Amino acid sequence: MEDLKKIITKVEIQKRNKDRVNVYINHEFAFACSAELVYIHNIEKGKSVDFNCLNEIIIEDNYIKCKSSALKIIEKVYKTQSQISSKLLEKGYDEKTVIRTIEFLKKYGFINDEKFVQMYIKDKLKSNGRNKIKYDLIKKGIDEKKISEGFVCIESGVEKETAIKLAEKNTTY
C-alpha cells in the first residue's frame, strides 16, 4: 500500500496560462491542473498523495475544462443541449463529465431547449413554414414534443401571414 503514496516535490504556475499549475511528484512531471484545484485539495510541496486523490483531482480538472469549453461554445451562439453534448464528446470529454457539465449549464440557465425552440420558431416563422422549422429543430436534436409545444405558444395568425407572404413570393404573374 505504501507504493501508492507519492510525494509532491514541486508545484509551479504555468508560463503561458496563469490559471493552470504543473505538479511534480518524486521530481517528475505528474500532471497539470487548474489553480483552483491546487487550493481546494491543498496541493503543496512535501505533501503525500495517493492514487485515489490524484484520480479525483484529474476528474475534477477534466470537469472544469469541459465547463470552460461548453461556455465558449454557447458564448457565440445559443445552442441546444444535444448540440453542446455532441461538441463536447467530439472534443474527447467522457460521457459522465459531459452529463455533469450539461446539468451545470441547465442549473444556471445557460441552456434551455424549451426557450431555444420558442426563440427559433419566432425567428424562423417569418421566412419558413412549419414543416421546415420542425425539420431543422429535429436536426438540432430537439424532440418532437418540445417542438409541438413551441408551436402552440406561437399565434396561428402569424403563421397564416407567413404562409400568404411565402405564397405571394413564390407565385409569378
N, C-alpha and C. Protein backbone atom coordinates (compact mmCIF):
# COMPACT_ATOMS: atom_id res chain seq x y z
N MET A 1 0.83 -1.20 0.00
CA MET A 1 0.00 0.00 0.00
C MET A 1 0.87 1.26 0.00
N GLU A 2 2.05 1.16 0.58
CA GLU A 2 2.94 2.31 0.68
C GLU A 2 3.42 2.77 -0.70
N ASP A 3 3.50 1.84 -1.68
CA ASP A 3 3.96 2.23 -3.01
C ASP A 3 2.93 3.10 -3.75
N LEU A 4 1.69 3.17 -3.25
CA LEU A 4 0.69 4.06 -3.82
C LEU A 4 0.91 5.51 -3.38
N LYS A 5 1.62 5.73 -2.28
CA LYS A 5 1.88 7.08 -1.76
C LYS A 5 2.97 7.74 -2.59
N LYS A 6 2.71 8.96 -2.93
CA LYS A 6 3.66 9.76 -3.71
C LYS A 6 3.86 11.08 -2.98
N ILE A 7 5.04 11.67 -3.14
CA ILE A 7 5.35 12.95 -2.51
C ILE A 7 5.41 14.03 -3.59
N ILE A 8 4.68 15.12 -3.36
CA ILE A 8 4.72 16.26 -4.28
C ILE A 8 6.03 17.00 -4.03
N THR A 9 6.83 17.11 -5.09
CA THR A 9 8.14 17.76 -4.94
C THR A 9 8.18 19.18 -5.50
N LYS A 10 7.20 19.51 -6.36
CA LYS A 10 7.21 20.86 -6.93
C LYS A 10 5.82 21.21 -7.45
N VAL A 11 5.42 22.45 -7.22
CA VAL A 11 4.16 22.98 -7.75
C VAL A 11 4.51 24.33 -8.37
N GLU A 12 4.30 24.44 -9.70
CA GLU A 12 4.65 25.70 -10.36
C GLU A 12 3.54 26.16 -11.31
N ILE A 13 3.34 27.46 -11.35
CA ILE A 13 2.36 28.06 -12.25
C ILE A 13 2.89 27.97 -13.67
N GLN A 14 2.03 27.62 -14.61
CA GLN A 14 2.45 27.52 -16.00
C GLN A 14 2.79 28.90 -16.54
N LYS A 15 3.75 28.94 -17.45
CA LYS A 15 4.20 30.22 -18.01
C LYS A 15 3.17 30.84 -18.94
N ARG A 16 2.52 30.03 -19.76
CA ARG A 16 1.59 30.56 -20.75
C ARG A 16 0.17 30.72 -20.23
N ASN A 17 -0.19 29.94 -19.23
CA ASN A 17 -1.55 30.00 -18.69
C ASN A 17 -1.48 30.08 -17.18
N LYS A 18 -1.66 31.26 -16.66
CA LYS A 18 -1.50 31.50 -15.22
C LYS A 18 -2.60 30.84 -14.37
N ASP A 19 -3.67 30.38 -15.02
CA ASP A 19 -4.75 29.69 -14.29
C ASP A 19 -4.48 28.20 -14.11
N ARG A 20 -3.38 27.72 -14.67
CA ARG A 20 -3.04 26.29 -14.60
C ARG A 20 -1.71 26.11 -13.87
N VAL A 21 -1.58 24.95 -13.25
CA VAL A 21 -0.40 24.66 -12.43
C VAL A 21 0.16 23.30 -12.82
N ASN A 22 1.49 23.20 -12.90
CA ASN A 22 2.16 21.92 -13.12
C ASN A 22 2.52 21.33 -11.77
N VAL A 23 2.24 20.05 -11.60
CA VAL A 23 2.54 19.37 -10.34
C VAL A 23 3.55 18.26 -10.62
N TYR A 24 4.61 18.24 -9.82
CA TYR A 24 5.66 17.24 -9.95
C TYR A 24 5.61 16.31 -8.75
N ILE A 25 5.69 15.02 -9.02
CA ILE A 25 5.71 14.02 -7.95
C ILE A 25 7.02 13.25 -8.09
N ASN A 26 7.75 13.15 -6.97
CA ASN A 26 9.06 12.48 -6.95
C ASN A 26 9.97 13.03 -8.05
N HIS A 27 9.99 14.35 -8.19
CA HIS A 27 10.85 15.11 -9.12
C HIS A 27 10.53 14.87 -10.59
N GLU A 28 9.37 14.31 -10.89
CA GLU A 28 8.96 14.10 -12.28
C GLU A 28 7.60 14.77 -12.49
N PHE A 29 7.43 15.36 -13.70
CA PHE A 29 6.14 15.97 -14.00
C PHE A 29 5.06 14.90 -13.90
N ALA A 30 4.00 15.19 -13.15
CA ALA A 30 2.92 14.22 -12.97
C ALA A 30 1.67 14.64 -13.74
N PHE A 31 1.26 15.89 -13.57
CA PHE A 31 0.05 16.36 -14.25
C PHE A 31 -0.04 17.88 -14.14
N ALA A 32 -0.93 18.44 -14.96
CA ALA A 32 -1.26 19.86 -14.87
C ALA A 32 -2.72 19.94 -14.45
N CYS A 33 -3.04 20.94 -13.67
CA CYS A 33 -4.44 21.10 -13.25
C CYS A 33 -4.74 22.58 -13.03
N SER A 34 -5.99 22.84 -12.79
CA SER A 34 -6.46 24.19 -12.51
C SER A 34 -5.87 24.69 -11.19
N ALA A 35 -5.52 25.97 -11.15
CA ALA A 35 -5.01 26.56 -9.90
C ALA A 35 -6.06 26.47 -8.80
N GLU A 36 -7.31 26.51 -9.18
CA GLU A 36 -8.41 26.38 -8.22
C GLU A 36 -8.33 25.04 -7.47
N LEU A 37 -7.99 23.98 -8.19
CA LEU A 37 -7.89 22.66 -7.57
C LEU A 37 -6.71 22.55 -6.62
N VAL A 38 -5.65 23.29 -6.91
CA VAL A 38 -4.49 23.29 -6.01
C VAL A 38 -4.91 23.82 -4.65
N TYR A 39 -5.73 24.85 -4.66
CA TYR A 39 -6.23 25.44 -3.42
C TYR A 39 -7.22 24.50 -2.72
N ILE A 40 -8.17 23.98 -3.48
CA ILE A 40 -9.21 23.11 -2.91
C ILE A 40 -8.62 21.86 -2.27
N HIS A 41 -7.67 21.23 -2.97
CA HIS A 41 -7.09 19.97 -2.48
C HIS A 41 -5.81 20.17 -1.67
N ASN A 42 -5.49 21.44 -1.42
CA ASN A 42 -4.31 21.76 -0.62
C ASN A 42 -3.05 21.06 -1.15
N ILE A 43 -2.84 21.19 -2.44
CA ILE A 43 -1.66 20.60 -3.08
C ILE A 43 -0.48 21.50 -2.81
N GLU A 44 0.54 20.96 -2.15
CA GLU A 44 1.73 21.75 -1.84
C GLU A 44 2.95 20.85 -1.76
N LYS A 45 4.09 21.46 -1.91
CA LYS A 45 5.36 20.74 -1.88
C LYS A 45 5.49 20.00 -0.55
N GLY A 46 5.92 18.74 -0.65
CA GLY A 46 6.15 17.94 0.54
C GLY A 46 4.94 17.12 0.98
N LYS A 47 3.79 17.41 0.41
CA LYS A 47 2.58 16.68 0.80
C LYS A 47 2.57 15.30 0.14
N SER A 48 2.08 14.33 0.88
CA SER A 48 1.96 12.97 0.39
C SER A 48 0.56 12.79 -0.21
N VAL A 49 0.48 12.22 -1.41
CA VAL A 49 -0.81 11.98 -2.05
C VAL A 49 -0.88 10.54 -2.54
N ASP A 50 -2.09 9.99 -2.54
CA ASP A 50 -2.24 8.63 -3.04
C ASP A 50 -2.94 8.65 -4.40
N PHE A 51 -3.03 7.48 -5.00
CA PHE A 51 -3.61 7.34 -6.34
C PHE A 51 -5.05 7.86 -6.38
N ASN A 52 -5.85 7.54 -5.38
CA ASN A 52 -7.26 7.97 -5.35
C ASN A 52 -7.39 9.49 -5.36
N CYS A 53 -6.54 10.15 -4.59
CA CYS A 53 -6.55 11.61 -4.53
C CYS A 53 -6.18 12.20 -5.90
N LEU A 54 -5.14 11.64 -6.52
CA LEU A 54 -4.71 12.12 -7.84
C LEU A 54 -5.81 11.92 -8.87
N ASN A 55 -6.45 10.76 -8.81
CA ASN A 55 -7.52 10.46 -9.75
C ASN A 55 -8.68 11.44 -9.59
N GLU A 56 -9.03 11.76 -8.36
CA GLU A 56 -10.10 12.72 -8.07
C GLU A 56 -9.76 14.10 -8.63
N ILE A 57 -8.51 14.51 -8.46
CA ILE A 57 -8.05 15.81 -8.97
C ILE A 57 -8.15 15.85 -10.49
N ILE A 58 -7.72 14.78 -11.14
CA ILE A 58 -7.75 14.73 -12.60
C ILE A 58 -9.19 14.76 -13.12
N ILE A 59 -10.09 14.04 -12.46
CA ILE A 59 -11.51 14.05 -12.85
C ILE A 59 -12.10 15.46 -12.69
N GLU A 60 -11.81 16.11 -11.57
CA GLU A 60 -12.30 17.47 -11.33
C GLU A 60 -11.74 18.45 -12.34
N ASP A 61 -10.45 18.30 -12.67
CA ASP A 61 -9.83 19.19 -13.64
C ASP A 61 -10.47 19.02 -15.02
N ASN A 62 -10.75 17.78 -15.37
CA ASN A 62 -11.41 17.49 -16.65
C ASN A 62 -12.79 18.15 -16.69
N TYR A 63 -13.50 18.12 -15.57
CA TYR A 63 -14.83 18.75 -15.47
C TYR A 63 -14.71 20.27 -15.64
N ILE A 64 -13.72 20.87 -15.01
CA ILE A 64 -13.51 22.32 -15.12
C ILE A 64 -13.22 22.70 -16.58
N LYS A 65 -12.37 21.91 -17.25
CA LYS A 65 -12.05 22.17 -18.66
C LYS A 65 -13.28 21.98 -19.54
N CYS A 66 -14.09 20.97 -19.24
CA CYS A 66 -15.30 20.71 -20.01
C CYS A 66 -16.29 21.87 -19.86
N LYS A 67 -16.46 22.38 -18.64
CA LYS A 67 -17.35 23.53 -18.42
C LYS A 67 -16.86 24.74 -19.22
N SER A 68 -15.56 24.95 -19.19
CA SER A 68 -14.97 26.08 -19.91
C SER A 68 -15.23 25.95 -21.41
N SER A 69 -15.03 24.75 -21.95
CA SER A 69 -15.29 24.52 -23.37
C SER A 69 -16.76 24.76 -23.71
N ALA A 70 -17.65 24.28 -22.85
CA ALA A 70 -19.09 24.45 -23.08
C ALA A 70 -19.47 25.92 -23.09
N LEU A 71 -18.92 26.67 -22.16
CA LEU A 71 -19.22 28.11 -22.10
C LEU A 71 -18.70 28.84 -23.33
N LYS A 72 -17.55 28.41 -23.86
CA LYS A 72 -17.03 29.01 -25.09
C LYS A 72 -17.93 28.69 -26.27
N ILE A 73 -18.49 27.47 -26.28
CA ILE A 73 -19.39 27.07 -27.37
C ILE A 73 -20.64 27.94 -27.37
N ILE A 74 -21.23 28.16 -26.19
CA ILE A 74 -22.50 28.89 -26.15
C ILE A 74 -22.35 30.40 -26.11
N GLU A 75 -21.13 30.90 -25.91
CA GLU A 75 -20.99 32.35 -25.87
C GLU A 75 -21.15 32.97 -27.26
N LYS A 76 -20.91 32.19 -28.30
CA LYS A 76 -21.04 32.70 -29.66
C LYS A 76 -22.49 32.65 -30.14
N VAL A 77 -23.10 31.49 -30.00
CA VAL A 77 -24.46 31.27 -30.48
C VAL A 77 -25.19 30.37 -29.49
N TYR A 78 -26.45 30.68 -29.22
CA TYR A 78 -27.27 29.86 -28.33
C TYR A 78 -27.43 28.48 -28.96
N LYS A 79 -27.16 27.43 -28.21
CA LYS A 79 -27.20 26.06 -28.73
C LYS A 79 -28.16 25.20 -27.92
N THR A 80 -28.54 24.07 -28.53
CA THR A 80 -29.39 23.11 -27.83
C THR A 80 -28.52 22.20 -26.97
N GLN A 81 -29.17 21.51 -26.05
CA GLN A 81 -28.47 20.56 -25.19
C GLN A 81 -27.77 19.49 -26.03
N SER A 82 -28.45 19.01 -27.05
CA SER A 82 -27.90 17.97 -27.92
C SER A 82 -26.66 18.47 -28.67
N GLN A 83 -26.72 19.69 -29.17
CA GLN A 83 -25.58 20.26 -29.90
C GLN A 83 -24.36 20.40 -28.99
N ILE A 84 -24.58 20.88 -27.78
CA ILE A 84 -23.47 21.07 -26.84
C ILE A 84 -22.88 19.72 -26.45
N SER A 85 -23.73 18.75 -26.16
CA SER A 85 -23.26 17.41 -25.80
C SER A 85 -22.40 16.82 -26.91
N SER A 86 -22.89 16.93 -28.14
CA SER A 86 -22.15 16.39 -29.29
C SER A 86 -20.78 17.03 -29.43
N LYS A 87 -20.75 18.36 -29.32
CA LYS A 87 -19.47 19.07 -29.46
C LYS A 87 -18.48 18.67 -28.37
N LEU A 88 -18.97 18.53 -27.13
CA LEU A 88 -18.08 18.16 -26.03
C LEU A 88 -17.57 16.73 -26.19
N LEU A 89 -18.42 15.83 -26.64
CA LEU A 89 -17.99 14.46 -26.88
C LEU A 89 -16.97 14.41 -28.02
N GLU A 90 -17.18 15.23 -29.06
CA GLU A 90 -16.22 15.33 -30.16
C GLU A 90 -14.86 15.80 -29.67
N LYS A 91 -14.86 16.69 -28.67
CA LYS A 91 -13.61 17.21 -28.13
C LYS A 91 -12.89 16.19 -27.25
N GLY A 92 -13.55 15.05 -26.98
CA GLY A 92 -12.88 13.97 -26.24
C GLY A 92 -13.23 13.87 -24.77
N TYR A 93 -14.21 14.62 -24.31
CA TYR A 93 -14.61 14.52 -22.91
C TYR A 93 -15.46 13.26 -22.73
N ASP A 94 -15.31 12.60 -21.58
CA ASP A 94 -16.07 11.39 -21.33
C ASP A 94 -17.53 11.72 -21.05
N GLU A 95 -18.39 10.73 -21.22
CA GLU A 95 -19.84 10.95 -21.12
C GLU A 95 -20.27 11.44 -19.74
N LYS A 96 -19.67 10.90 -18.68
CA LYS A 96 -20.03 11.33 -17.31
C LYS A 96 -19.75 12.81 -17.12
N THR A 97 -18.60 13.26 -17.60
CA THR A 97 -18.22 14.66 -17.47
C THR A 97 -19.16 15.55 -18.27
N VAL A 98 -19.52 15.11 -19.47
CA VAL A 98 -20.43 15.88 -20.32
C VAL A 98 -21.80 16.00 -19.65
N ILE A 99 -22.31 14.91 -19.10
CA ILE A 99 -23.61 14.95 -18.42
C ILE A 99 -23.57 15.91 -17.24
N ARG A 100 -22.49 15.85 -16.47
CA ARG A 100 -22.33 16.75 -15.32
C ARG A 100 -22.28 18.21 -15.77
N THR A 101 -21.58 18.46 -16.87
CA THR A 101 -21.48 19.81 -17.42
C THR A 101 -22.84 20.31 -17.90
N ILE A 102 -23.59 19.46 -18.58
CA ILE A 102 -24.92 19.82 -19.06
C ILE A 102 -25.82 20.18 -17.88
N GLU A 103 -25.74 19.42 -16.80
CA GLU A 103 -26.54 19.72 -15.60
C GLU A 103 -26.16 21.09 -15.03
N PHE A 104 -24.87 21.40 -15.02
CA PHE A 104 -24.40 22.71 -14.56
C PHE A 104 -24.99 23.82 -15.44
N LEU A 105 -24.93 23.63 -16.76
CA LEU A 105 -25.44 24.64 -17.69
C LEU A 105 -26.94 24.84 -17.53
N LYS A 106 -27.67 23.75 -17.31
CA LYS A 106 -29.12 23.85 -17.09
C LYS A 106 -29.41 24.59 -15.79
N LYS A 107 -28.69 24.22 -14.74
CA LYS A 107 -28.91 24.80 -13.41
C LYS A 107 -28.80 26.33 -13.44
N TYR A 108 -27.82 26.83 -14.20
CA TYR A 108 -27.60 28.27 -14.24
C TYR A 108 -28.23 28.94 -15.46
N GLY A 109 -29.09 28.21 -16.17
CA GLY A 109 -29.86 28.81 -17.26
C GLY A 109 -29.08 29.07 -18.54
N PHE A 110 -27.93 28.45 -18.71
CA PHE A 110 -27.16 28.66 -19.94
C PHE A 110 -27.75 27.88 -21.11
N ILE A 111 -28.44 26.78 -20.82
CA ILE A 111 -29.16 26.07 -21.87
C ILE A 111 -30.58 25.79 -21.40
N ASN A 112 -31.50 25.96 -22.34
CA ASN A 112 -32.91 25.70 -22.06
C ASN A 112 -33.55 25.41 -23.42
N ASP A 113 -33.76 24.14 -23.70
CA ASP A 113 -34.27 23.75 -25.02
C ASP A 113 -35.66 24.32 -25.31
N GLU A 114 -36.50 24.44 -24.28
CA GLU A 114 -37.84 24.99 -24.50
C GLU A 114 -37.75 26.44 -24.96
N LYS A 115 -36.90 27.21 -24.29
CA LYS A 115 -36.71 28.61 -24.67
C LYS A 115 -36.10 28.71 -26.08
N PHE A 116 -35.13 27.81 -26.35
CA PHE A 116 -34.49 27.78 -27.66
C PHE A 116 -35.54 27.55 -28.76
N VAL A 117 -36.43 26.57 -28.53
CA VAL A 117 -37.46 26.25 -29.52
C VAL A 117 -38.35 27.47 -29.78
N GLN A 118 -38.79 28.12 -28.72
CA GLN A 118 -39.67 29.29 -28.89
C GLN A 118 -38.96 30.42 -29.64
N MET A 119 -37.71 30.69 -29.28
CA MET A 119 -36.95 31.75 -29.97
C MET A 119 -36.74 31.39 -31.43
N TYR A 120 -36.37 30.13 -31.68
CA TYR A 120 -36.09 29.67 -33.04
C TYR A 120 -37.35 29.76 -33.91
N ILE A 121 -38.47 29.28 -33.37
CA ILE A 121 -39.73 29.32 -34.13
C ILE A 121 -40.12 30.77 -34.42
N LYS A 122 -40.05 31.61 -33.41
CA LYS A 122 -40.43 33.03 -33.57
C LYS A 122 -39.57 33.70 -34.65
N ASP A 123 -38.28 33.38 -34.66
CA ASP A 123 -37.36 33.97 -35.62
C ASP A 123 -37.57 33.41 -37.03
N LYS A 124 -37.71 32.11 -37.14
CA LYS A 124 -37.77 31.47 -38.46
C LYS A 124 -39.15 31.48 -39.09
N LEU A 125 -40.19 31.68 -38.29
CA LEU A 125 -41.55 31.66 -38.82
C LEU A 125 -41.80 32.79 -39.81
N LYS A 126 -40.98 33.83 -39.75
CA LYS A 126 -41.13 34.96 -40.66
C LYS A 126 -40.79 34.57 -42.10
N SER A 127 -39.91 33.58 -42.25
CA SER A 127 -39.45 33.23 -43.59
C SER A 127 -39.58 31.76 -43.95
N ASN A 128 -39.99 30.92 -43.00
CA ASN A 128 -40.09 29.48 -43.26
C ASN A 128 -41.44 28.94 -42.79
N GLY A 129 -41.81 27.82 -43.37
CA GLY A 129 -43.04 27.15 -42.96
C GLY A 129 -42.82 26.26 -41.75
N ARG A 130 -43.93 25.78 -41.21
CA ARG A 130 -43.92 24.95 -40.01
C ARG A 130 -43.06 23.68 -40.19
N ASN A 131 -43.23 23.00 -41.33
CA ASN A 131 -42.50 21.74 -41.54
C ASN A 131 -41.00 21.95 -41.66
N LYS A 132 -40.60 23.02 -42.33
CA LYS A 132 -39.16 23.32 -42.47
C LYS A 132 -38.56 23.60 -41.09
N ILE A 133 -39.26 24.38 -40.29
CA ILE A 133 -38.78 24.71 -38.94
C ILE A 133 -38.69 23.45 -38.09
N LYS A 134 -39.73 22.63 -38.17
CA LYS A 134 -39.75 21.38 -37.41
C LYS A 134 -38.57 20.49 -37.80
N TYR A 135 -38.34 20.35 -39.11
CA TYR A 135 -37.22 19.55 -39.61
C TYR A 135 -35.89 20.08 -39.09
N ASP A 136 -35.70 21.38 -39.15
CA ASP A 136 -34.45 22.00 -38.68
C ASP A 136 -34.24 21.76 -37.18
N LEU A 137 -35.31 21.88 -36.40
CA LEU A 137 -35.19 21.66 -34.95
C LEU A 137 -34.88 20.20 -34.63
N ILE A 138 -35.47 19.29 -35.37
CA ILE A 138 -35.17 17.86 -35.16
C ILE A 138 -33.70 17.61 -35.46
N LYS A 139 -33.18 18.24 -36.52
CA LYS A 139 -31.75 18.11 -36.85
C LYS A 139 -30.87 18.65 -35.73
N LYS A 140 -31.35 19.62 -34.99
CA LYS A 140 -30.59 20.22 -33.89
C LYS A 140 -30.72 19.40 -32.60
N GLY A 141 -31.47 18.30 -32.65
CA GLY A 141 -31.57 17.41 -31.50
C GLY A 141 -32.73 17.68 -30.57
N ILE A 142 -33.71 18.43 -31.03
CA ILE A 142 -34.89 18.74 -30.20
C ILE A 142 -35.95 17.66 -30.46
N ASP A 143 -36.56 17.15 -29.39
CA ASP A 143 -37.59 16.13 -29.59
C ASP A 143 -38.90 16.77 -30.05
N GLU A 144 -39.71 15.97 -30.72
CA GLU A 144 -40.93 16.48 -31.36
C GLU A 144 -41.93 17.06 -30.37
N LYS A 145 -41.97 16.53 -29.16
CA LYS A 145 -42.91 17.04 -28.15
C LYS A 145 -42.60 18.50 -27.83
N LYS A 146 -41.32 18.82 -27.64
CA LYS A 146 -40.93 20.21 -27.35
C LYS A 146 -41.23 21.12 -28.53
N ILE A 147 -41.05 20.58 -29.74
CA ILE A 147 -41.33 21.37 -30.94
C ILE A 147 -42.82 21.69 -31.02
N SER A 148 -43.65 20.68 -30.78
CA SER A 148 -45.11 20.89 -30.80
C SER A 148 -45.54 21.91 -29.76
N GLU A 149 -44.96 21.81 -28.57
CA GLU A 149 -45.27 22.77 -27.50
C GLU A 149 -44.85 24.18 -27.91
N GLY A 150 -43.72 24.28 -28.62
CA GLY A 150 -43.24 25.58 -29.09
C GLY A 150 -44.19 26.21 -30.09
N PHE A 151 -44.74 25.39 -30.98
CA PHE A 151 -45.69 25.91 -31.97
C PHE A 151 -47.00 26.33 -31.33
N VAL A 152 -47.41 25.67 -30.26
CA VAL A 152 -48.65 26.03 -29.55
C VAL A 152 -48.55 27.45 -29.01
N CYS A 153 -47.36 27.82 -28.57
CA CYS A 153 -47.15 29.15 -27.98
C CYS A 153 -47.21 30.27 -29.01
N ILE A 154 -47.00 29.93 -30.27
CA ILE A 154 -46.99 30.95 -31.33
C ILE A 154 -48.40 31.12 -31.88
N GLU A 155 -48.78 32.35 -32.13
CA GLU A 155 -50.11 32.64 -32.66
C GLU A 155 -50.29 32.04 -34.05
N SER A 156 -51.47 31.52 -34.31
CA SER A 156 -51.76 30.96 -35.64
C SER A 156 -51.84 32.06 -36.69
N GLY A 157 -52.17 33.27 -36.27
CA GLY A 157 -52.24 34.40 -37.20
C GLY A 157 -50.90 34.71 -37.83
N VAL A 158 -49.85 34.63 -37.04
CA VAL A 158 -48.50 34.89 -37.55
C VAL A 158 -48.15 33.85 -38.60
N GLU A 159 -48.51 32.61 -38.33
CA GLU A 159 -48.21 31.54 -39.27
C GLU A 159 -49.00 31.72 -40.57
N LYS A 160 -50.23 32.18 -40.47
CA LYS A 160 -51.07 32.40 -41.65
C LYS A 160 -50.49 33.53 -42.50
N GLU A 161 -50.07 34.62 -41.86
CA GLU A 161 -49.44 35.74 -42.58
C GLU A 161 -48.20 35.28 -43.32
N THR A 162 -47.39 34.47 -42.66
CA THR A 162 -46.16 33.96 -43.27
C THR A 162 -46.48 33.10 -44.48
N ALA A 163 -47.49 32.25 -44.37
CA ALA A 163 -47.88 31.39 -45.48
C ALA A 163 -48.31 32.22 -46.68
N ILE A 164 -49.08 33.28 -46.43
CA ILE A 164 -49.53 34.17 -47.52
C ILE A 164 -48.34 34.86 -48.17
N LYS A 165 -47.42 35.39 -47.36
CA LYS A 165 -46.23 36.06 -47.89
C LYS A 165 -45.39 35.11 -48.73
N LEU A 166 -45.18 33.89 -48.22
CA LEU A 166 -44.39 32.90 -48.96
C LEU A 166 -45.08 32.50 -50.26
N ALA A 167 -46.40 32.38 -50.22
CA ALA A 167 -47.15 32.02 -51.43
C ALA A 167 -47.04 33.13 -52.47
N GLU A 168 -47.19 34.38 -52.03
CA GLU A 168 -47.07 35.52 -52.94
C GLU A 168 -45.67 35.62 -53.53
N LYS A 169 -44.70 35.33 -52.72
CA LYS A 169 -43.30 35.42 -53.15
C LYS A 169 -42.99 34.35 -54.21
N ASN A 170 -43.58 33.19 -54.06
CA ASN A 170 -43.27 32.07 -54.95
C ASN A 170 -44.16 31.99 -56.19
N THR A 171 -45.18 32.82 -56.27
CA THR A 171 -46.03 32.82 -57.47
C THR A 171 -45.58 33.94 -58.40
N THR A 172 -45.60 33.64 -59.67
CA THR A 172 -45.23 34.66 -60.65
C THR A 172 -46.46 35.06 -61.44
N TYR A 173 -46.52 36.31 -61.81
CA TYR A 173 -47.67 36.83 -62.55
C TYR A 173 -47.36 36.90 -64.00
